[in-house]
Amino acid sequence: MSLENANGSLETSFQNKIATVQFGHPASNSFPRDLLDRLTSEINSLSRKEDVSVIVLKSEGNKTFCSGASFDELLKVENEEQGLEFFSGFAHLLNAMRNCSKLIIGRVQGKAVGGGVGIISACDYVFATPQSDIKLSELAIGIGPFVIEPAVSRKIGKTAMTEMTLSGHEWKSADWAFQKGLFSVLSEAENLDAEVESFALKLSSYNPEALYEMKKIIWEGTETWESLLFERAAITGRLVLSDFTKSALHQFKK
């Protein structure tokens, strides 16, 4: 099944109880709101499929996994209501991944920024390559990683999240991310797909009920996210209206 339009592409394929979901966008696999909503809807749909045990989440190309929110759409935000609406897209997606009844394996082939790091953090197990450097650059444009922070902190801890955020002008290496627990496995690019497939096949052969119960245990203690992530989206939606952020976004686009 393939869903493609000017706001990016989304394609899902099925094999051996494994659903592979691939997203893509010409602007370094960034997320306009429409693509966020389509991915959220797909995760929710797969959660209900009895013949799916495992989801593999991947993106197009070989350089960038995800560059976060669409700068073009951020520049179009004109009021706090629109800001809340846009950043709620990431809140809906992270909650969909958290509530999904299937285990989600992340396949990270390249760099990730901002919301892309949040999506990786919401995966249950992540394969990445040595080229998969990460960065939280939100402070540099006058906002912050408020919506994704609970997911990132849950994976790598508050101290490492703070280090990433306050040094947002610097890339953190894939090895750093592996050592902090964001990545479960570092694999050479030429071996990535084979290792992801092998692991997914193993998981899909296990008792689906056991996998479901394990998923619930993995995400214990995150029930507050149903409201917390939207409270955070409101903060970001307000800050994105600042002159500082508007100017910084224009500079980044140049």
Protein backbone atom coordinates (compact mmCIF):
# COMPACT_ATOMS: atom_id res chain seq x y z
CA MET A 1 0.00 0.00 0.00
CA SER A 2 1.43 3.37 -1.03
CA LEU A 3 0.25 6.87 -0.15
CA GLU A 4 2.10 9.66 -1.93
CA ASN A 5 1.41 13.33 -2.59
CA ALA A 6 3.19 16.69 -2.52
CA ASN A 7 3.51 16.42 1.26
CA GLY A 8 5.65 13.30 1.11
CA SER A 9 5.26 9.58 0.67
CA LEU A 10 4.15 6.75 2.94
CA GLU A 11 4.32 3.10 1.95
CA THR A 12 3.54 -0.06 3.91
CA SER A 13 4.47 -3.59 2.88
CA PHE A 14 3.69 -6.90 4.60
CA GLN A 15 5.65 -10.12 4.95
CA ASN A 16 5.71 -12.85 7.61
CA LYS A 17 3.62 -10.92 10.17
CA ILE A 18 5.98 -7.94 9.69
CA ALA A 19 4.65 -4.58 8.49
CA THR A 20 7.36 -2.33 7.06
CA VAL A 21 6.38 1.34 7.02
CA GLN A 22 8.52 3.71 4.95
CA PHE A 23 8.08 7.49 4.97
CA GLY A 24 9.81 10.03 2.78
CA HIS A 25 9.94 13.68 1.85
CA PRO A 26 12.16 15.54 -0.65
CA ALA A 27 13.30 17.95 2.08
CA SER A 28 15.56 15.50 3.96
CA ASN A 29 12.62 13.36 5.07
CA SER A 30 11.12 16.21 7.07
CA PHE A 31 7.54 16.11 8.31
CA PRO A 32 4.80 18.46 7.18
CA ARG A 33 1.67 18.05 9.29
CA ASP A 34 -0.13 16.01 6.63
CA LEU A 35 2.63 13.37 6.58
CA LEU A 36 2.68 13.25 10.39
CA ASP A 37 -1.06 12.60 10.40
CA ARG A 38 -0.80 9.89 7.74
CA LEU A 39 1.96 8.09 9.64
CA THR A 40 -0.01 8.34 12.88
CA SER A 41 -3.09 6.91 11.17
CA GLU A 42 -1.05 4.05 9.71
CA ILE A 43 0.48 3.15 13.10
CA ASN A 44 -3.00 3.16 14.66
CA SER A 45 -4.33 0.97 11.85
CA LEU A 46 -1.48 -1.56 12.14
CA SER A 47 -2.02 -1.72 15.89
CA ARG A 48 -5.43 -3.26 15.19
CA LYS A 49 -4.26 -5.84 12.63
CA GLU A 50 -4.24 -9.34 14.08
CA ASP A 51 -1.97 -10.68 11.32
CA VAL A 52 0.81 -8.18 12.17
CA SER A 53 3.17 -8.84 15.09
CA VAL A 54 6.01 -6.42 14.42
CA ILE A 55 6.39 -3.03 12.71
CA VAL A 56 9.62 -1.87 11.05
CA LEU A 57 9.78 1.92 10.67
CA LYS A 58 12.19 3.30 8.06
CA SER A 59 12.67 6.27 5.75
CA GLU A 60 13.71 6.83 2.15
CA GLY A 61 17.25 7.34 0.92
CA ASN A 62 20.60 6.65 2.54
CA LYS A 63 21.74 9.95 4.07
CA THR A 64 19.06 11.30 6.41
CA PHE A 65 16.60 9.35 8.51
CA CYS A 66 14.51 12.39 9.43
CA SER A 67 15.17 16.12 9.71
CA GLY A 68 12.18 16.85 11.94
CA ALA A 69 9.43 19.39 11.39
CA SER A 70 8.88 21.11 8.05
CA PHE A 71 10.44 24.59 8.18
CA ASP A 72 8.10 25.73 5.41
CA GLU A 73 5.08 24.97 7.56
CA LEU A 74 6.65 26.43 10.69
CA LEU A 75 7.05 29.75 8.86
CA LYS A 76 3.34 29.73 8.02
CA VAL A 77 2.21 29.55 11.66
CA GLU A 78 0.46 32.87 12.42
CA ASN A 79 -1.10 32.36 15.86
CA GLU A 80 -0.90 30.16 18.94
CA GLU A 81 -3.82 28.01 17.82
CA GLN A 82 -2.05 27.14 14.58
CA GLY A 83 1.18 26.53 16.49
CA LEU A 84 -0.54 24.13 18.88
CA GLU A 85 -2.20 22.37 15.96
CA PHE A 86 1.11 21.87 14.12
CA PHE A 87 3.16 20.61 17.05
CA SER A 88 0.29 18.40 18.20
CA GLY A 89 1.12 16.34 15.14
CA PHE A 90 4.25 15.03 16.83
CA ALA A 91 2.31 14.52 20.06
CA HIS A 92 -0.26 12.37 18.25
CA LEU A 93 2.48 10.33 16.52
CA LEU A 94 4.49 9.66 19.69
CA ASN A 95 1.35 8.62 21.54
CA ALA A 96 0.35 6.34 18.65
CA MET A 97 3.76 4.64 18.78
CA ARG A 98 3.56 4.36 22.56
CA ASN A 99 0.02 2.93 22.52
CA CYS A 100 0.60 0.67 19.51
CA SER A 101 -0.02 -2.98 20.41
CA LYS A 102 2.91 -4.05 18.19
CA LEU A 103 6.61 -3.72 18.89
CA ILE A 104 8.21 -1.10 16.65
CA ILE A 105 11.72 -1.59 15.27
CA GLY A 106 13.45 1.54 14.02
CA ARG A 107 15.73 1.25 10.99
CA VAL A 108 17.94 4.37 11.05
CA GLN A 109 20.23 4.68 8.05
CA GLY A 110 21.42 8.26 8.52
CA LYS A 111 21.27 11.50 10.46
CA ALA A 112 18.31 12.61 12.55
CA VAL A 113 17.42 16.06 13.87
CA GLY A 114 14.77 17.30 16.30
CA GLY A 115 11.51 15.47 15.78
CA GLY A 116 13.43 12.71 14.02
CA VAL A 117 15.26 11.99 17.28
CA GLY A 118 11.88 11.91 19.01
CA ILE A 119 10.55 9.33 16.57
CA ILE A 120 13.63 7.16 17.08
CA SER A 121 13.13 7.45 20.85
CA ALA A 122 9.57 6.19 20.53
CA CYS A 123 10.71 2.99 18.79
CA ASP A 124 11.06 -0.09 20.98
CA TYR A 125 14.32 -1.32 19.42
CA VAL A 126 16.58 0.55 17.01
CA PHE A 127 19.16 -0.49 14.43
CA ALA A 128 21.39 2.33 13.19
CA THR A 129 24.55 2.84 11.15
CA PRO A 130 27.80 4.62 12.14
CA GLN A 131 26.56 7.50 9.94
CA SER A 132 23.46 8.02 12.10
CA ASP A 133 24.52 11.14 13.97
CA ILE A 134 21.85 13.02 15.93
CA LYS A 135 21.14 16.59 16.98
CA LEU A 136 18.54 18.55 18.95
CA SER A 137 18.90 22.02 17.44
CA GLU A 138 15.59 23.53 18.58
CA LEU A 139 17.07 26.09 21.00
CA ALA A 140 19.05 27.56 18.10
CA ILE A 141 15.80 28.58 16.42
CA GLY A 142 14.20 29.93 19.58
CA ILE A 143 12.04 26.97 20.57
CA GLY A 144 12.95 23.70 22.32
CA PRO A 145 12.41 19.94 22.02
CA PHE A 146 9.47 20.17 24.38
CA VAL A 147 7.09 17.68 22.77
CA ILE A 148 9.70 14.98 22.17
CA GLU A 149 11.60 15.52 25.45
CA PRO A 150 9.67 12.88 27.43
CA ALA A 151 10.47 10.26 24.78
CA VAL A 152 14.13 11.26 24.49
CA SER A 153 14.66 11.46 28.26
CA ARG A 154 12.97 8.10 28.75
CA LYS A 155 15.47 6.52 26.36
CA ILE A 156 18.77 8.26 27.19
CA GLY A 157 18.09 9.93 30.55
CA LYS A 158 17.56 13.56 31.53
CA THR A 159 21.30 14.31 31.76
CA ALA A 160 22.09 13.16 28.22
CA MET A 161 18.97 14.90 26.89
CA THR A 162 20.10 18.13 28.55
CA GLU A 163 23.58 17.77 27.07
CA MET A 164 22.10 17.30 23.60
CA THR A 165 19.71 20.21 23.95
CA LEU A 166 22.16 22.77 25.35
CA SER A 167 24.82 21.83 22.78
CA GLY A 168 22.28 21.86 19.98
CA HIS A 169 24.81 23.35 17.57
CA GLU A 170 26.82 20.11 17.74
CA TRP A 171 26.16 16.70 16.24
CA LYS A 172 26.31 13.76 18.61
CA SER A 173 27.88 10.70 17.01
CA ALA A 174 26.06 7.45 16.37
CA ASP A 175 28.42 5.80 18.84
CA TRP A 176 27.41 8.37 21.50
CA ALA A 177 23.75 7.59 20.81
CA PHE A 178 24.48 3.87 21.05
CA GLN A 179 26.32 4.27 24.35
CA LYS A 180 23.43 6.33 25.78
CA GLY A 181 20.85 3.72 24.78
CA LEU A 182 19.06 5.48 21.91
CA PHE A 183 20.33 2.87 19.47
CA SER A 184 20.12 -0.82 20.34
CA VAL A 185 22.49 -2.02 17.59
CA LEU A 186 25.06 -0.29 15.39
CA SER A 187 25.35 -2.00 12.03
CA GLU A 188 27.41 -1.23 8.95
CA ALA A 189 25.20 0.23 6.22
CA GLU A 190 25.64 -2.76 3.92
CA ASN A 191 24.40 -5.11 6.68
CA LEU A 192 21.59 -2.96 8.05
CA ASP A 193 18.64 -4.40 6.15
CA ALA A 194 19.71 -8.01 6.67
CA GLU A 195 20.12 -7.50 10.42
CA VAL A 196 16.79 -5.69 10.73
CA GLU A 197 15.02 -8.42 8.77
CA SER A 198 16.62 -11.22 10.80
CA PHE A 199 15.66 -9.60 14.11
CA ALA A 200 12.12 -8.79 12.96
CA LEU A 201 11.61 -12.38 11.79
CA LYS A 202 12.70 -13.69 15.19
CA LEU A 203 10.31 -11.37 17.01
CA SER A 204 7.43 -12.19 14.66
CA SER A 205 7.80 -15.90 15.47
CA TYR A 206 7.13 -15.31 19.16
CA ASN A 207 3.76 -15.55 20.90
CA PRO A 208 1.80 -12.40 19.87
CA GLU A 209 0.13 -12.22 23.27
CA ALA A 210 3.52 -12.27 24.99
CA LEU A 211 4.77 -9.51 22.70
CA TYR A 212 1.69 -7.41 23.48
CA GLU A 213 2.10 -7.85 27.23
CA MET A 214 5.79 -6.98 26.92
CA LYS A 215 4.94 -3.83 24.99
CA LYS A 216 2.65 -2.69 27.81
CA ILE A 217 5.38 -3.28 30.38
CA ILE A 218 7.98 -1.42 28.29
CA TRP A 219 5.79 1.68 28.31
CA GLU A 220 4.59 1.58 31.93
CA GLY A 221 4.58 4.99 33.59
CA THR A 222 3.97 7.03 30.44
CA GLU A 223 0.19 7.39 30.83
CA THR A 224 0.54 11.13 31.52
CA TRP A 225 1.72 11.63 27.94
CA GLU A 226 -1.92 11.73 26.81
CA SER A 227 -2.06 15.28 28.17
CA LEU A 228 1.62 16.17 28.76
CA LEU A 229 2.68 16.11 25.11
CA PHE A 230 -0.12 18.50 24.14
CA GLU A 231 0.79 20.87 26.98
CA ARG A 232 4.32 20.85 25.56
CA ALA A 233 2.96 21.44 22.04
CA ALA A 234 1.24 24.58 23.32
CA ILE A 235 4.57 25.91 24.65
CA THR A 236 6.30 25.33 21.33
CA GLY A 237 3.34 26.73 19.42
CA ARG A 238 3.67 29.99 21.35
CA LEU A 239 7.43 30.27 21.03
CA VAL A 240 7.45 29.66 17.27
CA LEU A 241 5.64 32.99 16.85
CA SER A 242 8.56 34.98 18.28
CA ASP A 243 10.58 37.35 16.11
CA PHE A 244 13.69 35.41 17.16
CA THR A 245 12.29 32.17 15.77
CA LYS A 246 10.94 33.69 12.56
CA SER A 247 14.33 35.25 11.84
CA ALA A 248 16.22 32.07 12.73
CA LEU A 249 14.00 29.93 10.50
CA HIS A 250 14.64 32.23 7.56
CA GLN A 251 18.39 32.01 8.21
CA PHE A 252 18.28 28.21 8.43
CA LYS A 253 16.37 28.02 5.14
CA LYS A 254 19.03 30.12 3.45
